[in-house]
Amino acid sequence: MMPPDIHESTPQERESYIKETFHCIGDCDNCGLCAIYRGQDIMSVFRDYIEGKATFLEVNKRYR
């Protein structure tokens, strides 16, 4: 599923997408999300996306 476009979705839709896509599975060895996002809370990482200030891709590029 593609992330909702910031111009065609609500903050609630974007937040739901992040929660569904990046939920913790409790198995860090097989997931790696914490390492990618440097141990930060995923909702904090994507706050600008959820608020419509940056696209999903722009936020992801900050962590490459």
N, C-alpha and C. Protein backbone atom coordinates (compact mmCIF):
# COMPACT_ATOMS: atom_id res chain seq x y z
N MET A 1 0.84 -1.18 0.00
CA MET A 1 0.00 0.00 0.00
C MET A 1 0.88 1.24 0.00
N MET A 2 0.54 2.17 -0.84
CA MET A 2 1.29 3.42 -0.94
C MET A 2 0.86 4.36 0.19
N PRO A 3 1.80 5.16 0.68
CA PRO A 3 1.42 6.13 1.72
C PRO A 3 0.47 7.18 1.16
N PRO A 4 -0.51 7.59 1.96
CA PRO A 4 -1.43 8.63 1.49
C PRO A 4 -0.69 9.92 1.15
N ASP A 5 -1.08 10.55 0.06
CA ASP A 5 -0.52 11.82 -0.36
C ASP A 5 -0.92 12.90 0.65
N ILE A 6 -0.01 13.79 1.00
CA ILE A 6 -0.31 14.80 2.01
C ILE A 6 -1.36 15.80 1.53
N HIS A 7 -1.56 15.91 0.23
CA HIS A 7 -2.53 16.86 -0.31
C HIS A 7 -3.91 16.23 -0.50
N GLU A 8 -3.98 14.92 -0.43
CA GLU A 8 -5.24 14.23 -0.69
C GLU A 8 -5.69 13.36 0.47
N SER A 9 -5.18 13.61 1.67
CA SER A 9 -5.55 12.80 2.83
C SER A 9 -5.61 13.68 4.07
N THR A 10 -6.21 13.13 5.09
CA THR A 10 -6.31 13.85 6.36
C THR A 10 -5.16 13.41 7.27
N PRO A 11 -4.86 14.21 8.28
CA PRO A 11 -3.84 13.79 9.25
C PRO A 11 -4.19 12.44 9.89
N GLN A 12 -5.46 12.19 10.12
CA GLN A 12 -5.88 10.92 10.72
C GLN A 12 -5.58 9.75 9.79
N GLU A 13 -5.78 9.93 8.50
CA GLU A 13 -5.48 8.87 7.54
C GLU A 13 -3.98 8.59 7.49
N ARG A 14 -3.17 9.65 7.52
CA ARG A 14 -1.72 9.48 7.49
C ARG A 14 -1.23 8.83 8.78
N GLU A 15 -1.78 9.23 9.91
CA GLU A 15 -1.40 8.62 11.18
C GLU A 15 -1.76 7.14 11.21
N SER A 16 -2.94 6.80 10.72
CA SER A 16 -3.35 5.39 10.66
C SER A 16 -2.40 4.58 9.79
N TYR A 17 -2.00 5.16 8.66
CA TYR A 17 -1.06 4.47 7.77
C TYR A 17 0.25 4.17 8.48
N ILE A 18 0.79 5.16 9.21
CA ILE A 18 2.05 4.97 9.93
C ILE A 18 1.89 3.90 11.00
N LYS A 19 0.81 3.96 11.76
CA LYS A 19 0.58 2.97 12.83
C LYS A 19 0.47 1.56 12.27
N GLU A 20 -0.23 1.41 11.14
CA GLU A 20 -0.41 0.09 10.54
C GLU A 20 0.87 -0.42 9.89
N THR A 21 1.61 0.46 9.28
CA THR A 21 2.81 0.06 8.54
C THR A 21 4.00 -0.20 9.44
N PHE A 22 4.13 0.56 10.51
CA PHE A 22 5.32 0.49 11.35
C PHE A 22 5.03 0.02 12.77
N HIS A 23 4.09 -0.91 12.91
CA HIS A 23 3.81 -1.41 14.26
C HIS A 23 4.95 -2.31 14.74
N CYS A 24 5.22 -2.24 16.03
CA CYS A 24 6.30 -3.04 16.62
C CYS A 24 5.89 -4.50 16.69
N ILE A 25 6.75 -5.37 16.17
CA ILE A 25 6.47 -6.80 16.23
C ILE A 25 7.18 -7.47 17.39
N GLY A 26 7.98 -6.71 18.11
CA GLY A 26 8.66 -7.23 19.29
C GLY A 26 9.79 -8.20 18.98
N ASP A 27 10.33 -8.15 17.79
CA ASP A 27 11.42 -9.04 17.40
C ASP A 27 12.46 -8.22 16.63
N CYS A 28 13.25 -7.47 17.36
CA CYS A 28 14.19 -6.52 16.74
C CYS A 28 15.17 -7.18 15.77
N ASP A 29 15.55 -8.42 16.02
CA ASP A 29 16.49 -9.08 15.12
C ASP A 29 15.91 -9.30 13.73
N ASN A 30 14.60 -9.42 13.63
CA ASN A 30 13.97 -9.67 12.33
C ASN A 30 13.28 -8.45 11.74
N CYS A 31 13.25 -7.36 12.47
CA CYS A 31 12.52 -6.19 12.00
C CYS A 31 13.48 -5.10 11.50
N GLY A 32 14.24 -4.53 12.40
CA GLY A 32 15.22 -3.52 12.05
C GLY A 32 14.72 -2.09 12.02
N LEU A 33 13.42 -1.86 12.24
CA LEU A 33 12.91 -0.49 12.18
C LEU A 33 13.58 0.42 13.20
N CYS A 34 13.83 -0.09 14.38
CA CYS A 34 14.48 0.74 15.40
C CYS A 34 15.87 1.19 14.94
N ALA A 35 16.58 0.32 14.26
CA ALA A 35 17.92 0.68 13.77
C ALA A 35 17.83 1.71 12.66
N ILE A 36 16.88 1.55 11.77
CA ILE A 36 16.72 2.47 10.65
C ILE A 36 16.39 3.87 11.15
N TYR A 37 15.50 3.93 12.13
CA TYR A 37 15.06 5.23 12.64
C TYR A 37 15.75 5.61 13.94
N ARG A 38 16.89 5.02 14.16
CA ARG A 38 17.80 5.36 15.27
C ARG A 38 17.14 5.32 16.64
N GLY A 39 16.25 4.35 16.84
CA GLY A 39 15.63 4.15 18.14
C GLY A 39 14.57 5.17 18.50
N GLN A 40 14.20 6.03 17.58
CA GLN A 40 13.20 7.06 17.86
C GLN A 40 11.79 6.49 17.73
N ASP A 41 10.87 7.08 18.47
CA ASP A 41 9.46 6.72 18.37
C ASP A 41 8.99 7.00 16.94
N ILE A 42 8.34 6.03 16.34
CA ILE A 42 7.96 6.15 14.92
C ILE A 42 6.98 7.29 14.69
N MET A 43 6.13 7.58 15.66
CA MET A 43 5.19 8.69 15.52
C MET A 43 5.93 10.03 15.53
N SER A 44 7.00 10.12 16.29
CA SER A 44 7.82 11.33 16.30
C SER A 44 8.58 11.48 14.99
N VAL A 45 9.09 10.37 14.48
CA VAL A 45 9.83 10.38 13.21
C VAL A 45 8.95 10.93 12.09
N PHE A 46 7.71 10.49 12.03
CA PHE A 46 6.81 10.86 10.94
C PHE A 46 5.85 11.99 11.28
N ARG A 47 6.11 12.75 12.34
CA ARG A 47 5.23 13.85 12.75
C ARG A 47 5.03 14.87 11.62
N ASP A 48 6.10 15.24 10.93
CA ASP A 48 5.96 16.21 9.83
C ASP A 48 5.08 15.65 8.71
N TYR A 49 5.19 14.37 8.43
CA TYR A 49 4.34 13.74 7.41
C TYR A 49 2.88 13.73 7.86
N ILE A 50 2.66 13.32 9.08
CA ILE A 50 1.29 13.25 9.60
C ILE A 50 0.64 14.64 9.58
N GLU A 51 1.40 15.66 9.92
CA GLU A 51 0.87 17.03 9.95
C GLU A 51 0.82 17.68 8.56
N GLY A 52 1.33 16.99 7.54
CA GLY A 52 1.27 17.51 6.17
C GLY A 52 2.36 18.50 5.84
N LYS A 53 3.42 18.53 6.63
CA LYS A 53 4.53 19.47 6.41
C LYS A 53 5.61 18.90 5.50
N ALA A 54 5.64 17.58 5.35
CA ALA A 54 6.64 16.91 4.50
C ALA A 54 6.02 15.63 3.95
N THR A 55 6.47 15.23 2.78
CA THR A 55 5.97 13.98 2.22
C THR A 55 6.59 12.79 2.94
N PHE A 56 6.01 11.64 2.74
CA PHE A 56 6.53 10.41 3.32
C PHE A 56 7.98 10.19 2.85
N LEU A 57 8.24 10.40 1.59
CA LEU A 57 9.58 10.21 1.03
C LEU A 57 10.58 11.19 1.63
N GLU A 58 10.17 12.44 1.81
CA GLU A 58 11.07 13.43 2.40
C GLU A 58 11.49 13.03 3.83
N VAL A 59 10.56 12.52 4.58
CA VAL A 59 10.88 12.07 5.94
C VAL A 59 11.83 10.88 5.89
N ASN A 60 11.54 9.92 5.03
CA ASN A 60 12.41 8.75 4.92
C ASN A 60 13.83 9.12 4.51
N LYS A 61 13.97 10.09 3.65
CA LYS A 61 15.31 10.51 3.20
C LYS A 61 16.16 11.06 4.32
N ARG A 62 15.53 11.56 5.35
CA ARG A 62 16.29 12.09 6.51
C ARG A 62 17.06 10.99 7.25
N TYR A 63 16.67 9.74 7.04
CA TYR A 63 17.27 8.63 7.78
C TYR A 63 18.12 7.73 6.90
N ARG A 64 18.51 8.17 5.76
CA ARG A 64 19.38 7.37 4.88
C ARG A 64 20.80 7.75 5.08
